[in-house]
Amino acid sequence: MAFILFMIGFAMVLVLILWMIFRPRKSHPKKTKSQAKKIPQKVKPQAIVKSPVKTEPDIPSDEFMKEVATELLKKNPQVVSHVVKQWLRK
């Protein structure tokens, strides 16, 4: 009977030592509750003020960009291929 109690105590001490050695050292971050989305406050619409005639936007159209690209490609295809290779490397 004494031998069985000794073996159980020895096993418990051995398990405790192994647990102390192999336990995770990093503390796990606590999971926080997901926060509800904040609803933006309603903004009162401002009075619409008519502005003078608007000029063309600064952003060029897709067709214009395609024309510029084809002209550049016709003029110097090596420069364009070099730029594309650089862009693809990034």
Protein backbone atom coordinates (compact mmCIF):
# COMPACT_ATOMS: atom_id res chain seq x y z
CA MET A 1 0.00 0.00 0.00
CA ALA A 2 2.80 2.41 0.88
CA PHE A 3 4.54 1.60 -2.40
CA ILE A 4 1.42 2.53 -4.44
CA LEU A 5 1.05 5.86 -2.60
CA PHE A 6 4.76 6.56 -3.14
CA MET A 7 4.45 5.85 -6.90
CA ILE A 8 1.35 8.07 -7.22
CA GLY A 9 3.14 10.92 -5.41
CA PHE A 10 6.26 10.42 -7.53
CA ALA A 11 4.19 10.48 -10.74
CA MET A 12 2.46 13.69 -9.64
CA VAL A 13 5.81 15.37 -8.90
CA LEU A 14 7.18 14.20 -12.25
CA VAL A 15 4.11 15.56 -14.09
CA LEU A 16 4.45 18.88 -12.23
CA ILE A 17 8.12 19.19 -13.19
CA LEU A 18 7.38 18.39 -16.84
CA TRP A 19 4.50 20.87 -16.87
CA MET A 20 6.77 23.60 -15.46
CA ILE A 21 9.38 22.91 -18.16
CA PHE A 22 7.10 22.67 -21.20
CA ARG A 23 4.35 25.16 -20.36
CA PRO A 24 3.89 28.07 -22.81
CA ARG A 25 5.76 31.16 -21.69
CA LYS A 26 3.83 33.70 -23.77
CA SER A 27 0.65 35.02 -22.30
CA HIS A 28 -2.25 34.58 -24.66
CA PRO A 29 -4.11 37.78 -25.55
CA LYS A 30 -7.59 37.90 -24.20
CA LYS A 31 -10.33 37.88 -26.76
CA THR A 32 -12.27 41.09 -26.70
CA LYS A 33 -15.89 41.37 -27.54
CA SER A 34 -16.49 42.51 -31.07
CA GLN A 35 -17.49 46.11 -31.05
CA ALA A 36 -20.62 47.18 -32.81
CA LYS A 37 -20.16 49.38 -35.84
CA LYS A 38 -20.40 53.03 -35.04
CA ILE A 39 -23.24 54.72 -36.84
CA PRO A 40 -22.16 58.07 -38.23
CA GLN A 41 -24.20 61.01 -37.12
CA LYS A 42 -26.45 62.55 -39.70
CA VAL A 43 -25.03 65.68 -41.23
CA LYS A 44 -27.38 68.43 -42.22
CA PRO A 45 -27.18 69.11 -45.94
CA GLN A 46 -25.73 72.47 -46.78
CA ALA A 47 -27.40 74.87 -49.11
CA ILE A 48 -26.44 74.22 -52.72
CA VAL A 49 -24.55 77.12 -54.19
CA LYS A 50 -24.37 77.28 -57.95
CA SER A 51 -20.82 77.61 -59.13
CA PRO A 52 -19.62 79.00 -62.44
CA VAL A 53 -19.31 76.65 -65.41
CA LYS A 54 -17.00 73.81 -64.53
CA THR A 55 -13.98 73.14 -66.68
CA GLU A 56 -12.95 69.66 -67.79
CA PRO A 57 -11.79 67.43 -64.96
CA ASP A 58 -8.07 67.00 -64.34
CA ILE A 59 -8.37 63.22 -64.63
CA PRO A 60 -7.86 62.09 -68.25
CA SER A 61 -10.32 59.65 -69.77
CA ASP A 62 -9.53 56.00 -70.48
CA GLU A 63 -9.47 56.57 -74.23
CA PHE A 64 -6.95 59.39 -73.87
CA MET A 65 -4.75 57.20 -71.65
CA LYS A 66 -4.85 54.38 -74.22
CA GLU A 67 -3.86 56.77 -77.02
CA VAL A 68 -0.92 58.12 -75.00
CA ALA A 69 0.21 54.59 -74.14
CA THR A 70 0.12 53.43 -77.76
CA GLU A 71 2.05 56.53 -78.94
CA LEU A 72 4.68 55.98 -76.28
CA LEU A 73 4.97 52.31 -77.21
CA LYS A 74 5.42 53.21 -80.90
CA LYS A 75 8.13 55.78 -80.11
CA ASN A 76 10.31 53.71 -77.79
CA PRO A 77 9.21 50.15 -76.92
CA GLN A 78 12.40 49.38 -74.97
CA VAL A 79 11.70 52.06 -72.38
CA VAL A 80 8.15 50.83 -71.94
CA SER A 81 9.26 47.21 -71.56
CA HIS A 82 11.87 48.30 -68.98
CA VAL A 83 9.25 50.21 -66.97
CA VAL A 84 6.85 47.27 -67.07
CA LYS A 85 9.58 44.89 -65.86
CA GLN A 86 10.42 47.23 -62.99
CA TRP A 87 6.75 47.51 -62.08
CA LEU A 88 6.30 43.74 -62.11
CA ARG A 89 9.31 43.22 -59.85
CA LYS A 90 7.68 45.30 -57.15
